[in-house]
């Protein structure tokens, strides 16, 4: 709970490739929603990952944190983004968009994208990193 006893209500939490904001209307488009990353080798560097959070029922200046952590919380976060959302009206909907570049995932498995308010976990989304098989060319003498 926040100091005033209320945490915002998270309406949605999405992971995608890109977020485009229309300059005229302010509307946002989420491009390439995903929950799985395939990689041939680990550790792997993912070039770009965007997180979009839609929330309401906040009161005043609300500190929020976005973490991406491994499924066991056994290592420091892959990334942490922090900021403050200023709710002038609790009925308003606030959209928070973050863009991360060059994230390094050390091993395959389940990761979690989390949104926290004053350290309280409000919502999380799963992100699966899967070991992919290397594709072999048909003319490769080592292909099975």
C-alpha atoms as a PDB file:
ATOM      1  CA  UNK A   1       0.000   0.000   0.000  1.00  0.00           C
ATOM      2  CA  UNK A   2       1.104   3.534  -0.644  1.00  0.00           C
ATOM      3  CA  UNK A   3       1.443   6.107   2.090  1.00  0.00           C
ATOM      4  CA  UNK A   4      -2.165   7.194   1.545  1.00  0.00           C
ATOM      5  CA  UNK A   5      -3.328   3.561   1.637  1.00  0.00           C
ATOM      6  CA  UNK A   6      -4.167   3.239  -2.063  1.00  0.00           C
ATOM      7  CA  UNK A   7      -2.170   1.791  -4.921  1.00  0.00           C
ATOM      8  CA  UNK A   8      -3.266   2.417  -8.510  1.00  0.00           C
ATOM      9  CA  UNK A   9      -5.277  -0.221 -10.338  1.00  0.00           C
ATOM     10  CA  UNK A  10      -3.328  -1.766 -13.233  1.00  0.00           C
ATOM     11  CA  UNK A  11      -5.608  -2.124 -16.250  1.00  0.00           C
ATOM     12  CA  UNK A  12      -3.011  -3.691 -18.556  1.00  0.00           C
ATOM     13  CA  UNK A  13       0.653  -4.651 -18.751  1.00  0.00           C
ATOM     14  CA  UNK A  14       2.007  -5.519 -22.200  1.00  0.00           C
ATOM     15  CA  UNK A  15       5.412  -6.382 -23.663  1.00  0.00           C
ATOM     16  CA  UNK A  16       6.042  -5.506 -27.301  1.00  0.00           C
ATOM     17  CA  UNK A  17       8.668  -4.605 -29.900  1.00  0.00           C
ATOM     18  CA  UNK A  18       7.692  -0.975 -30.364  1.00  0.00           C
ATOM     19  CA  UNK A  19       5.282   1.708 -29.123  1.00  0.00           C
ATOM     20  CA  UNK A  20       4.248   4.428 -31.554  1.00  0.00           C
ATOM     21  CA  UNK A  21       2.606   7.596 -30.238  1.00  0.00           C
ATOM     22  CA  UNK A  22       0.585   9.696 -32.690  1.00  0.00           C
ATOM     23  CA  UNK A  23       1.798  13.297 -32.438  1.00  0.00           C
ATOM     24  CA  UNK A  24      -1.636  14.794 -33.078  1.00  0.00           C
ATOM     25  CA  UNK A  25      -3.951  12.612 -30.981  1.00  0.00           C
ATOM     26  CA  UNK A  26      -1.513  11.183 -28.426  1.00  0.00           C
ATOM     27  CA  UNK A  27      -2.934   7.712 -29.104  1.00  0.00           C
ATOM     28  CA  UNK A  28      -0.489   4.864 -28.706  1.00  0.00           C
ATOM     29  CA  UNK A  29      -0.098   1.779 -30.891  1.00  0.00           C
ATOM     30  CA  UNK A  30       1.625  -1.304 -29.509  1.00  0.00           C
ATOM     31  CA  UNK A  31       3.497  -3.131 -32.274  1.00  0.00           C
ATOM     32  CA  UNK A  32       4.583  -6.759 -32.053  1.00  0.00           C
ATOM     33  CA  UNK A  33       3.131  -7.979 -28.752  1.00  0.00           C
ATOM     34  CA  UNK A  34       5.036 -11.017 -27.476  1.00  0.00           C
ATOM     35  CA  UNK A  35       5.692 -13.200 -24.444  1.00  0.00           C
ATOM     36  CA  UNK A  36       8.431 -15.492 -25.827  1.00  0.00           C
ATOM     37  CA  UNK A  37      11.972 -14.879 -27.034  1.00  0.00           C
ATOM     38  CA  UNK A  38      13.844 -17.638 -28.878  1.00  0.00           C
ATOM     39  CA  UNK A  39      17.637 -17.677 -28.840  1.00  0.00           C
ATOM     40  CA  UNK A  40      20.226 -20.129 -30.170  1.00  0.00           C
ATOM     41  CA  UNK A  41      22.835 -19.175 -27.547  1.00  0.00           C
ATOM     42  CA  UNK A  42      22.820 -17.806 -24.024  1.00  0.00           C
ATOM     43  CA  UNK A  43      23.527 -15.318 -22.706  1.00  0.00           C
ATOM     44  CA  UNK A  44      21.556 -13.459 -25.371  1.00  0.00           C
ATOM     45  CA  UNK A  45      21.195  -9.735 -25.964  1.00  0.00           C
ATOM     46  CA  UNK A  46      17.692  -8.707 -27.007  1.00  0.00           C
ATOM     47  CA  UNK A  47      17.911  -5.527 -29.131  1.00  0.00           C
ATOM     48  CA  UNK A  48      14.725  -3.750 -28.004  1.00  0.00           C
ATOM     49  CA  UNK A  49      11.867  -4.476 -25.637  1.00  0.00           C
ATOM     50  CA  UNK A  50       9.036  -2.089 -24.761  1.00  0.00           C
ATOM     51  CA  UNK A  51       6.700  -2.236 -21.771  1.00  0.00           C
ATOM     52  CA  UNK A  52       3.320  -0.501 -21.746  1.00  0.00           C
ATOM     53  CA  UNK A  53       1.305  -0.097 -18.548  1.00  0.00           C
ATOM     54  CA  UNK A  54      -2.182   1.385 -18.318  1.00  0.00           C
ATOM     55  CA  UNK A  55      -3.367   2.327 -14.820  1.00  0.00           C
ATOM     56  CA  UNK A  56      -6.058   4.248 -13.012  1.00  0.00           C
ATOM     57  CA  UNK A  57      -7.259   5.062  -9.493  1.00  0.00           C
ATOM     58  CA  UNK A  58      -3.983   6.705  -8.517  1.00  0.00           C
ATOM     59  CA  UNK A  59      -3.680   9.585  -6.084  1.00  0.00           C
ATOM     60  CA  UNK A  60      -1.191  12.393  -6.708  1.00  0.00           C
ATOM     61  CA  UNK A  61       2.467  11.685  -7.403  1.00  0.00           C
ATOM     62  CA  UNK A  62       2.838   7.934  -7.529  1.00  0.00           C
ATOM     63  CA  UNK A  63       6.298   6.295  -7.700  1.00  0.00           C
ATOM     64  CA  UNK A  64       6.368   3.256  -9.989  1.00  0.00           C
ATOM     65  CA  UNK A  65       9.071   0.734 -10.830  1.00  0.00           C
ATOM     66  CA  UNK A  66       9.270  -1.675 -13.764  1.00  0.00           C
ATOM     67  CA  UNK A  67      11.524  -4.698 -13.183  1.00  0.00           C
ATOM     68  CA  UNK A  68      12.408  -7.610 -15.407  1.00  0.00           C
ATOM     69  CA  UNK A  69      13.574 -10.448 -13.171  1.00  0.00           C
ATOM     70  CA  UNK A  70      14.340 -14.137 -13.600  1.00  0.00           C
ATOM     71  CA  UNK A  71      11.593 -16.530 -12.542  1.00  0.00           C
ATOM     72  CA  UNK A  72      13.315 -17.430  -9.286  1.00  0.00           C
ATOM     73  CA  UNK A  73      14.342 -13.877  -8.308  1.00  0.00           C
ATOM     74  CA  UNK A  74      17.785 -15.401  -7.804  1.00  0.00           C
ATOM     75  CA  UNK A  75      19.761 -12.677  -9.602  1.00  0.00           C
ATOM     76  CA  UNK A  76      19.608  -8.900  -9.748  1.00  0.00           C
ATOM     77  CA  UNK A  77      16.978  -7.583 -12.193  1.00  0.00           C
ATOM     78  CA  UNK A  78      17.825  -7.720 -15.886  1.00  0.00           C
ATOM     79  CA  UNK A  79      16.635  -4.103 -15.919  1.00  0.00           C
ATOM     80  CA  UNK A  80      14.876  -1.662 -13.621  1.00  0.00           C
ATOM     81  CA  UNK A  81      13.052   1.482 -14.728  1.00  0.00           C
ATOM     82  CA  UNK A  82      11.756   3.983 -12.169  1.00  0.00           C
ATOM     83  CA  UNK A  83       9.569   7.037 -12.455  1.00  0.00           C
ATOM     84  CA  UNK A  84       6.692   9.010 -11.011  1.00  0.00           C
ATOM     85  CA  UNK A  85       3.157   9.152 -12.439  1.00  0.00           C
ATOM     86  CA  UNK A  86       1.201  12.238 -11.395  1.00  0.00           C
ATOM     87  CA  UNK A  87      -2.511  11.437 -11.064  1.00  0.00           C
ATOM     88  CA  UNK A  88      -4.379  14.739 -10.989  1.00  0.00           C
ATOM     89  CA  UNK A  89      -7.708  12.878 -11.057  1.00  0.00           C
ATOM     90  CA  UNK A  90      -8.092   9.307  -9.731  1.00  0.00           C
ATOM     91  CA  UNK A  91     -10.592   8.552 -12.517  1.00  0.00           C
ATOM     92  CA  UNK A  92      -8.015   9.369 -15.191  1.00  0.00           C
ATOM     93  CA  UNK A  93      -6.149   6.635 -17.030  1.00  0.00           C
ATOM     94  CA  UNK A  94      -2.374   7.019 -17.124  1.00  0.00           C
ATOM     95  CA  UNK A  95      -0.302   5.210 -19.734  1.00  0.00           C
ATOM     96  CA  UNK A  96       3.343   4.533 -18.992  1.00  0.00           C
ATOM     97  CA  UNK A  97       5.633   3.425 -21.820  1.00  0.00           C
ATOM     98  CA  UNK A  98       9.221   2.340 -21.351  1.00  0.00           C
ATOM     99  CA  UNK A  99      11.728   1.282 -23.972  1.00  0.00           C
ATOM    100  CA  UNK A 100      14.765  -0.848 -23.107  1.00  0.00           C
ATOM    101  CA  UNK A 101      17.709  -1.527 -25.417  1.00  0.00           C
ATOM    102  CA  UNK A 102      20.321  -4.271 -25.289  1.00  0.00           C
ATOM    103  CA  UNK A 103      18.862  -6.369 -22.477  1.00  0.00           C
ATOM    104  CA  UNK A 104      21.047  -9.369 -21.617  1.00  0.00           C
ATOM    105  CA  UNK A 105      19.299 -12.573 -20.541  1.00  0.00           C
ATOM    106  CA  UNK A 106      21.784 -14.985 -19.002  1.00  0.00           C
ATOM    107  CA  UNK A 107      19.919 -18.259 -19.514  1.00  0.00           C
ATOM    108  CA  UNK A 108      16.702 -19.741 -20.874  1.00  0.00           C
ATOM    109  CA  UNK A 109      13.670 -19.988 -18.630  1.00  0.00           C
ATOM    110  CA  UNK A 110      10.848 -17.900 -17.248  1.00  0.00           C
ATOM    111  CA  UNK A 111      11.325 -14.220 -16.527  1.00  0.00           C
ATOM    112  CA  UNK A 112       8.765 -11.793 -15.162  1.00  0.00           C
ATOM    113  CA  UNK A 113       7.996  -8.207 -16.128  1.00  0.00           C
ATOM    114  CA  UNK A 114       6.784  -6.536 -12.941  1.00  0.00           C
ATOM    115  CA  UNK A 115       5.187  -3.229 -12.043  1.00  0.00           C
ATOM    116  CA  UNK A 116       5.575  -2.083  -8.451  1.00  0.00           C
ATOM    117  CA  UNK A 117       4.340   0.935  -6.526  1.00  0.00           C
ATOM    118  CA  UNK A 118       6.335   1.900  -3.426  1.00  0.00           C
ATOM    119  CA  UNK A 119       7.832  -1.603  -3.486  1.00  0.00           C
ATOM    120  CA  UNK A 120       4.429  -3.353  -3.658  1.00  0.00           C
ATOM    121  CA  UNK A 121       4.016  -5.754  -6.594  1.00  0.00           C
ATOM    122  CA  UNK A 122       0.868  -4.734  -8.479  1.00  0.00           C
ATOM    123  CA  UNK A 123       1.016  -6.940 -11.573  1.00  0.00           C
ATOM    124  CA  UNK A 124       3.435  -9.090 -13.534  1.00  0.00           C
ATOM    125  CA  UNK A 125       3.596 -10.667 -16.977  1.00  0.00           C
ATOM    126  CA  UNK A 126       5.546 -13.777 -17.908  1.00  0.00           C
ATOM    127  CA  UNK A 127       8.331 -13.640 -20.455  1.00  0.00           C
ATOM    128  CA  UNK A 128       9.680 -16.999 -21.637  1.00  0.00           C
ATOM    129  CA  UNK A 129      13.180 -17.343 -23.048  1.00  0.00           C
ATOM    130  CA  UNK A 130      13.518 -20.549 -25.038  1.00  0.00           C
ATOM    131  CA  UNK A 131      16.630 -22.300 -26.342  1.00  0.00           C
ATOM    132  CA  UNK A 132      16.095 -22.589 -30.103  1.00  0.00           C
ATOM    133  CA  UNK A 133      17.728 -25.162 -32.343  1.00  0.00           C
ATOM    134  CA  UNK A 134      20.148 -23.820 -34.891  1.00  0.00           C
ATOM    135  CA  UNK A 135      18.797 -24.168 -38.421  1.00  0.00           C
ATOM    136  CA  UNK A 136      21.095 -26.092 -40.671  1.00  0.00           C
ATOM    137  CA  UNK A 137      21.502 -25.451 -44.361  1.00  0.00           C
ATOM    138  CA  UNK A 138      20.479 -28.369 -46.604  1.00  0.00           C
ATOM    139  CA  UNK A 139      24.025 -28.519 -48.027  1.00  0.00           C
ATOM    140  CA  UNK A 140      25.606 -28.718 -44.533  1.00  0.00           C
ATOM    141  CA  UNK A 141      27.422 -32.070 -44.251  1.00  0.00           C
ATOM    142  CA  UNK A 142      26.768 -32.067 -40.463  1.00  0.00           C
ATOM    143  CA  UNK A 143      22.986 -31.748 -40.833  1.00  0.00           C
ATOM    144  CA  UNK A 144      21.012 -34.774 -39.624  1.00  0.00           C
END
